[in-house]
N, C-alpha and C. Protein backbone atom coordinates (compact mmCIF):
# COMPACT_ATOMS: atom_id res chain seq x y z
N MET A 1 99.95 -8.74 93.27
CA MET A 1 100.73 -7.89 92.72
C MET A 1 99.83 -6.56 93.36
N GLN A 2 100.79 -5.42 93.50
CA GLN A 2 100.31 -4.32 94.12
C GLN A 2 99.99 -3.23 92.92
N ALA A 3 98.93 -2.63 92.95
CA ALA A 3 98.50 -1.62 92.02
C ALA A 3 99.21 -0.25 92.13
N LEU A 4 99.85 0.26 91.08
CA LEU A 4 100.74 1.35 90.93
C LEU A 4 99.89 2.60 91.36
N SER A 5 100.30 3.56 92.14
CA SER A 5 99.41 4.79 92.64
C SER A 5 99.94 5.70 91.40
N LYS A 6 98.67 6.48 91.27
CA LYS A 6 98.83 7.65 90.34
C LYS A 6 98.99 8.94 91.19
N PHE A 7 99.98 9.64 90.76
CA PHE A 7 100.16 11.10 91.48
C PHE A 7 100.21 12.02 90.54
N THR A 8 99.38 13.14 90.87
CA THR A 8 99.41 14.36 90.04
C THR A 8 99.88 15.47 90.79
N LEU A 9 100.66 16.16 89.84
CA LEU A 9 101.39 17.52 90.37
C LEU A 9 100.71 18.79 89.89
N ASP A 10 100.28 19.40 91.03
CA ASP A 10 99.50 20.77 90.83
C ASP A 10 100.60 21.80 91.28
N VAL A 11 100.85 22.53 90.07
CA VAL A 11 101.63 23.78 90.14
C VAL A 11 100.91 24.72 89.90
N LYS A 12 101.31 25.83 90.93
CA LYS A 12 100.79 27.06 90.79
C LYS A 12 101.96 28.04 90.24
N TYR A 13 101.91 28.65 89.40
CA TYR A 13 102.74 29.67 88.81
C TYR A 13 102.58 31.02 89.47
N ASP A 14 103.67 31.59 89.26
CA ASP A 14 103.60 33.12 89.82
C ASP A 14 103.51 34.06 88.45
N PHE A 15 102.42 34.65 88.55
CA PHE A 15 102.13 35.61 87.19
C PHE A 15 102.14 36.91 87.60
N GLU A 16 102.90 37.26 88.70
CA GLU A 16 102.99 38.39 89.32
C GLU A 16 104.07 39.31 88.74
N PHE A 17 103.77 39.76 87.32
CA PHE A 17 104.89 40.69 86.83
C PHE A 17 104.25 41.55 85.74
N ILE A 18 104.76 42.47 85.58
CA ILE A 18 104.20 43.40 84.41
C ILE A 18 104.66 42.94 83.02
N LEU A 19 103.42 42.99 82.14
CA LEU A 19 103.42 42.32 80.77
C LEU A 19 102.88 43.61 79.68
N LEU A 20 103.74 43.77 78.80
CA LEU A 20 103.54 44.75 77.80
C LEU A 20 103.43 44.15 76.38
N GLY A 21 102.66 44.48 75.72
CA GLY A 21 102.27 44.10 74.52
C GLY A 21 103.06 45.27 73.39
N ILE A 22 103.93 44.84 72.33
CA ILE A 22 104.65 45.83 71.47
C ILE A 22 104.13 45.46 70.08
N SER A 23 103.63 46.32 69.30
CA SER A 23 103.52 45.84 67.96
C SER A 23 104.35 46.93 67.18
N CYS A 24 105.27 46.21 66.38
CA CYS A 24 106.15 46.79 65.45
C CYS A 24 106.84 46.10 64.54
N HIS A 25 107.00 46.41 63.26
CA HIS A 25 107.43 45.56 62.24
C HIS A 25 108.95 45.53 61.98
N GLU A 26 109.73 45.98 62.86
CA GLU A 26 111.14 45.89 62.87
C GLU A 26 111.44 44.67 63.49
N LYS A 27 112.80 44.15 63.08
CA LYS A 27 113.41 42.99 63.54
C LYS A 27 113.84 43.15 65.16
N ASP A 28 113.97 42.13 65.54
CA ASP A 28 113.96 41.88 67.01
C ASP A 28 115.32 42.68 67.69
N TYR A 29 116.45 42.92 66.75
CA TYR A 29 117.81 43.24 67.29
C TYR A 29 117.44 44.84 67.30
N ARG A 30 116.56 45.37 66.53
CA ARG A 30 116.14 46.98 66.13
C ARG A 30 115.37 47.20 67.48
N ILE A 31 114.17 46.67 67.69
CA ILE A 31 113.39 46.88 68.88
C ILE A 31 114.00 46.78 70.12
N SER A 32 114.99 45.84 70.18
CA SER A 32 116.02 45.63 71.36
C SER A 32 116.88 47.01 71.65
N TRP A 33 117.34 47.38 70.64
CA TRP A 33 118.33 48.58 70.62
C TRP A 33 117.41 49.84 71.14
N ALA A 34 116.51 49.92 70.34
CA ALA A 34 115.50 51.23 70.80
C ALA A 34 115.04 51.13 72.04
N LEU A 35 114.56 49.84 72.67
CA LEU A 35 114.36 49.97 74.06
C LEU A 35 115.40 50.14 75.14
N ARG A 36 116.69 49.73 74.61
CA ARG A 36 117.69 50.00 75.55
C ARG A 36 118.17 51.38 75.55
N GLU A 37 118.12 52.07 74.52
CA GLU A 37 118.05 53.49 74.38
C GLU A 37 117.13 54.34 75.31
N LYS A 38 115.85 54.11 74.98
CA LYS A 38 114.58 54.75 75.68
C LYS A 38 114.42 54.38 77.19
N LEU A 39 114.55 53.12 77.53
CA LEU A 39 114.50 52.59 78.83
C LEU A 39 115.74 52.85 79.63
N GLU A 40 116.82 53.08 79.15
CA GLU A 40 118.02 53.18 79.55
C GLU A 40 118.47 51.56 80.52
N ILE A 41 118.15 50.47 79.76
CA ILE A 41 118.56 49.32 80.22
C ILE A 41 119.63 48.57 79.46
N ASP A 42 120.18 47.67 79.89
CA ASP A 42 121.27 46.96 79.14
C ASP A 42 120.54 45.48 78.66
N LEU A 43 119.93 45.62 77.44
CA LEU A 43 119.37 44.29 77.06
C LEU A 43 120.22 43.44 76.29
N CYS A 44 120.52 42.35 76.52
CA CYS A 44 121.45 41.37 75.92
C CYS A 44 120.79 40.21 75.28
N ARG A 45 121.03 39.76 74.33
CA ARG A 45 120.41 38.46 73.63
C ARG A 45 120.55 37.38 74.58
N GLY A 46 119.62 36.73 74.81
CA GLY A 46 119.52 35.55 75.79
C GLY A 46 119.39 34.26 74.77
N GLU A 47 119.27 33.12 75.51
CA GLU A 47 118.98 31.94 74.80
C GLU A 47 117.57 32.07 74.50
N ASP A 48 117.38 31.44 73.19
CA ASP A 48 115.97 31.34 72.44
C ASP A 48 115.13 30.66 73.37
N LEU A 49 113.67 30.80 73.37
CA LEU A 49 112.69 30.10 74.14
C LEU A 49 112.32 29.23 73.19
N ASN A 50 112.39 27.93 73.36
CA ASN A 50 111.71 26.79 72.67
C ASN A 50 110.45 26.14 73.30
N ILE A 51 109.55 26.26 72.51
CA ILE A 51 108.09 25.80 72.86
C ILE A 51 107.58 24.96 71.90
N SER A 52 107.12 23.79 72.06
CA SER A 52 106.41 23.12 70.96
C SER A 52 104.83 23.40 70.99
N SER A 53 104.34 23.49 69.65
CA SER A 53 103.03 23.69 69.67
C SER A 53 102.38 22.47 69.47
N LYS A 54 101.10 22.44 69.96
CA LYS A 54 100.01 21.36 69.89
C LYS A 54 99.75 21.30 68.44
N LYS A 55 99.29 22.38 67.84
CA LYS A 55 98.83 22.30 66.36
C LYS A 55 99.97 22.17 65.40
N ALA A 56 101.07 22.81 65.45
CA ALA A 56 101.96 22.71 64.78
C ALA A 56 102.77 21.48 64.58
N GLY A 57 103.10 20.98 65.69
CA GLY A 57 103.66 19.49 66.06
C GLY A 57 105.08 19.81 66.08
N GLU A 58 105.65 21.11 66.03
CA GLU A 58 107.07 21.43 65.92
C GLU A 58 107.27 22.39 67.10
N ALA A 59 108.72 22.53 67.40
CA ALA A 59 109.00 23.39 68.41
C ALA A 59 108.99 24.79 67.63
N GLY A 60 108.48 25.97 68.20
CA GLY A 60 108.79 27.27 67.67
C GLY A 60 109.82 27.98 68.66
N SER A 61 110.83 28.69 68.11
CA SER A 61 111.94 29.12 68.70
C SER A 61 111.81 30.75 68.74
N TYR A 62 111.67 31.31 69.98
CA TYR A 62 111.20 32.72 70.01
C TYR A 62 112.54 33.37 70.60
N ALA A 63 112.97 34.50 70.15
CA ALA A 63 113.90 35.23 70.56
C ALA A 63 113.81 35.69 71.81
N VAL A 64 114.72 36.06 72.82
CA VAL A 64 114.86 36.59 73.92
C VAL A 64 115.73 37.50 74.29
N PHE A 65 115.62 38.71 74.53
CA PHE A 65 116.66 39.65 75.19
C PHE A 65 116.50 40.05 76.51
N GLU A 66 117.44 40.06 77.40
CA GLU A 66 117.25 40.16 78.87
C GLU A 66 118.06 41.09 79.43
N CYS A 67 117.59 41.74 80.78
CA CYS A 67 118.14 42.55 81.46
C CYS A 67 118.13 42.03 82.92
N LEU A 68 119.05 41.64 83.45
CA LEU A 68 118.94 40.87 84.72
C LEU A 68 119.83 42.12 85.81
N ASN A 69 119.01 42.24 86.79
CA ASN A 69 119.50 43.16 87.79
C ASN A 69 119.52 42.59 89.03
N GLU A 70 120.76 41.90 89.50
CA GLU A 70 121.00 41.26 90.74
C GLU A 70 120.96 41.86 92.00
N ASP A 71 121.30 43.16 91.78
CA ASP A 71 121.24 44.22 93.05
C ASP A 71 119.73 44.23 93.85
N ASN A 72 118.96 44.37 92.91
CA ASN A 72 117.53 44.51 93.45
C ASN A 72 116.56 43.24 93.23
N ASP A 73 117.16 42.14 92.74
CA ASP A 73 116.62 41.02 92.24
C ASP A 73 115.24 41.23 91.20
N SER A 74 115.67 41.89 90.14
CA SER A 74 114.63 42.09 89.21
C SER A 74 115.06 42.04 87.85
N ALA A 75 114.17 41.92 86.65
CA ALA A 75 114.56 41.22 85.49
C ALA A 75 113.67 42.11 84.43
N ILE A 76 114.39 42.24 83.20
CA ILE A 76 113.21 42.82 82.21
C ILE A 76 113.71 41.89 80.86
N PHE A 77 112.51 41.35 80.19
CA PHE A 77 112.76 40.34 79.13
C PHE A 77 111.97 41.14 77.82
N LEU A 78 112.42 40.99 76.94
CA LEU A 78 111.86 41.30 75.65
C LEU A 78 111.95 39.98 74.83
N VAL A 79 110.64 39.47 74.42
CA VAL A 79 110.37 38.20 73.95
C VAL A 79 109.49 38.28 72.86
N SER A 80 109.91 37.67 71.68
CA SER A 80 109.34 37.84 70.22
C SER A 80 107.89 36.60 70.59
N ASN A 81 107.03 37.22 69.58
CA ASN A 81 105.66 36.64 70.02
C ASN A 81 105.56 35.78 68.66
N ARG A 82 106.50 35.83 67.61
CA ARG A 82 106.25 35.13 66.34
C ARG A 82 107.51 34.51 66.14
N CYS A 83 107.15 33.09 65.36
CA CYS A 83 108.32 32.42 64.85
C CYS A 83 107.64 31.74 63.50
N ASP A 84 108.57 31.20 62.81
CA ASP A 84 107.86 30.72 61.41
C ASP A 84 106.73 29.86 61.66
N SER A 85 106.44 29.05 62.64
CA SER A 85 105.44 28.12 62.73
C SER A 85 104.45 28.43 63.49
N SER A 86 104.39 29.55 64.36
CA SER A 86 103.44 29.82 65.48
C SER A 86 103.62 31.03 66.20
N PHE A 87 102.81 31.10 67.23
CA PHE A 87 103.01 32.40 67.94
C PHE A 87 103.17 31.80 69.50
N LEU A 88 104.03 32.43 70.32
CA LEU A 88 103.85 32.23 71.62
C LEU A 88 102.79 32.51 72.50
N ILE A 89 102.10 33.58 72.20
CA ILE A 89 100.70 33.68 72.90
C ILE A 89 99.83 33.84 72.00
N PRO A 90 99.16 32.85 71.09
CA PRO A 90 98.26 32.79 70.04
C PRO A 90 97.08 33.85 69.98
N GLU A 91 96.72 34.08 71.45
CA GLU A 91 95.37 34.98 71.72
C GLU A 91 95.96 36.36 71.52
N GLN A 92 97.11 36.67 71.34
CA GLN A 92 97.65 38.02 71.19
C GLN A 92 98.28 38.09 69.82
N ARG A 93 97.71 37.85 68.80
CA ARG A 93 98.28 37.79 67.45
C ARG A 93 98.69 39.31 66.87
N SER A 94 98.02 40.34 67.37
CA SER A 94 98.49 41.48 67.27
C SER A 94 99.79 41.95 67.79
N CYS A 95 100.25 41.37 68.74
CA CYS A 95 101.53 41.56 69.34
C CYS A 95 102.72 40.99 68.43
N ASP A 96 103.58 41.75 68.40
CA ASP A 96 104.78 41.29 67.89
C ASP A 96 105.96 40.83 68.98
N TYR A 97 105.90 41.71 69.87
CA TYR A 97 106.98 41.53 71.08
C TYR A 97 106.18 41.59 72.53
N PHE A 98 106.78 41.05 73.39
CA PHE A 98 106.35 41.32 74.88
C PHE A 98 107.32 41.75 75.71
N LEU A 99 107.16 42.61 76.54
CA LEU A 99 107.98 43.06 77.59
C LEU A 99 107.63 42.68 78.87
N VAL A 100 108.36 41.75 79.54
CA VAL A 100 107.95 41.35 80.80
C VAL A 100 109.00 41.91 81.83
N ALA A 101 108.38 42.65 82.89
CA ALA A 101 109.32 42.95 84.02
C ALA A 101 108.88 42.36 85.34
N ARG A 102 109.78 41.70 85.78
CA ARG A 102 109.82 40.98 87.05
C ARG A 102 110.48 41.75 87.94
N GLY A 103 110.13 41.62 89.38
CA GLY A 103 110.77 42.05 90.71
C GLY A 103 109.92 43.43 90.98
N GLY A 104 111.15 44.38 91.16
CA GLY A 104 110.56 45.63 91.95
C GLY A 104 109.89 46.72 90.82
N TYR A 105 109.03 46.09 89.97
CA TYR A 105 108.26 47.18 89.27
C TYR A 105 106.90 47.25 89.59
N ASP A 106 106.44 48.43 89.59
CA ASP A 106 105.06 48.85 90.20
C ASP A 106 104.08 49.36 88.92
N GLU A 107 102.99 49.82 89.32
CA GLU A 107 102.15 50.64 88.36
C GLU A 107 102.77 51.75 87.59
N GLU A 108 103.38 52.59 88.42
CA GLU A 108 104.05 53.99 88.14
C GLU A 108 105.16 53.47 87.04
N ASN A 109 106.02 52.59 87.26
CA ASN A 109 106.91 52.06 86.40
C ASN A 109 106.43 51.46 84.84
N LYS A 110 105.34 50.59 85.25
CA LYS A 110 104.64 50.27 83.92
C LYS A 110 104.41 51.49 83.19
N GLU A 111 103.59 52.45 83.52
CA GLU A 111 103.02 53.66 82.72
C GLU A 111 104.35 54.42 82.41
N GLU A 112 105.41 54.50 83.12
CA GLU A 112 106.57 55.44 82.56
C GLU A 112 107.08 54.49 81.09
N MET A 113 107.16 53.10 81.45
CA MET A 113 107.65 52.27 80.41
C MET A 113 106.79 52.49 79.06
N LEU A 114 105.65 52.43 79.24
CA LEU A 114 104.65 52.40 78.27
C LEU A 114 104.80 53.91 77.50
N GLN A 115 104.92 54.79 78.19
CA GLN A 115 105.00 56.22 77.86
C GLN A 115 106.31 56.22 76.94
N LYS A 116 107.42 55.77 77.23
CA LYS A 116 108.55 55.88 76.46
C LYS A 116 108.80 54.85 75.31
N ILE A 117 108.09 53.60 75.41
CA ILE A 117 107.92 52.85 74.25
C ILE A 117 107.26 53.36 73.29
N ARG A 118 105.93 54.11 73.55
CA ARG A 118 105.33 54.48 72.57
C ARG A 118 105.86 55.89 71.84
N GLU A 119 106.96 56.60 72.56
CA GLU A 119 107.89 57.45 71.64
C GLU A 119 108.68 56.96 70.72
N ILE A 120 108.92 55.49 70.78
CA ILE A 120 109.91 55.12 69.70
C ILE A 120 109.16 55.24 68.45
N PRO A 121 109.69 55.91 67.29
CA PRO A 121 109.04 56.15 65.91
C PRO A 121 108.57 55.15 65.28
N PHE A 122 109.18 53.92 65.34
CA PHE A 122 108.72 52.73 64.47
C PHE A 122 107.80 51.66 65.39
N VAL A 123 107.43 51.93 66.48
CA VAL A 123 106.53 51.22 67.51
C VAL A 123 105.18 51.64 67.05
N LEU A 124 104.33 50.73 66.38
CA LEU A 124 102.92 51.03 66.15
C LEU A 124 102.15 51.29 67.30
N THR A 125 102.18 50.33 68.32
CA THR A 125 101.44 50.74 69.73
C THR A 125 102.29 49.84 70.68
N ALA A 126 101.67 50.10 71.89
CA ALA A 126 102.39 49.27 73.11
C ALA A 126 100.99 49.64 74.06
N PHE A 127 100.88 48.32 74.67
CA PHE A 127 99.79 48.49 75.72
C PHE A 127 100.08 47.37 76.81
N SER A 128 99.35 47.48 77.85
CA SER A 128 99.42 46.69 79.09
C SER A 128 98.72 45.64 78.76
N ILE A 129 99.00 44.36 79.31
CA ILE A 129 98.30 42.86 79.15
C ILE A 129 98.11 42.43 80.69
N ASP A 130 97.05 41.88 81.06
CA ASP A 130 96.99 41.12 82.29
C ASP A 130 97.32 39.65 82.26
N PRO A 131 98.50 39.18 82.64
CA PRO A 131 99.11 38.13 82.48
C PRO A 131 97.79 36.85 82.63
N SER A 132 97.04 37.23 83.96
CA SER A 132 96.29 36.12 84.13
C SER A 132 94.90 35.97 83.36
N SER A 133 94.85 36.79 82.39
CA SER A 133 93.63 36.75 81.49
C SER A 133 94.04 36.04 80.23
N LEU A 134 95.33 35.37 80.00
CA LEU A 134 95.89 34.79 78.89
C LEU A 134 95.82 33.09 79.13
N ARG A 135 95.32 32.64 78.16
CA ARG A 135 95.06 31.19 78.07
C ARG A 135 96.56 30.59 78.17
N SER A 136 97.24 31.07 77.31
CA SER A 136 98.66 30.52 77.17
C SER A 136 99.69 31.30 77.96
N ARG A 137 99.36 31.52 79.25
CA ARG A 137 100.23 32.22 80.22
C ARG A 137 101.33 31.31 80.67
N GLN A 138 101.43 30.26 80.53
CA GLN A 138 102.39 29.59 80.90
C GLN A 138 103.58 29.69 80.24
N ASN A 139 103.43 29.98 79.02
CA ASN A 139 104.58 29.95 78.10
C ASN A 139 105.41 31.30 78.37
N LEU A 140 105.00 32.04 79.21
CA LEU A 140 105.56 33.56 79.48
C LEU A 140 106.49 32.97 80.93
N ILE A 141 106.62 31.88 81.52
CA ILE A 141 107.35 31.50 82.48
C ILE A 141 108.56 30.78 82.09
N PHE A 142 109.75 31.39 82.13
CA PHE A 142 110.90 31.00 82.06
C PHE A 142 111.82 31.55 82.84
């Protein structure tokens, strides 16, 4: 009888995107609408992000709003950090939402987005986050 071989899959994810944390106590549709107006983007409700938590033992469902631009292969996502049972990124409990910008966005775009987000009256704070510093960063790959 021949022994079965064990293979390990080593996956390297691409964390080259802009990540902004937003603290605000409004519902997801309100912050989505405000970002739509301020950033002049077309955020639409997408499919919820379902991630199971090791501690809670059940899947958490996180709201996702998306703006896909196929012309320049870029995308912006607004993702809720909270659900009934857990956090998407537990080490960022002060964040209510994450804004993820992939594609053709640079440091200048990031600063401009931060400035505009901070101008929204009900946003408490907005700040930049280095995705590689997060333990749960794999939850932002979708």
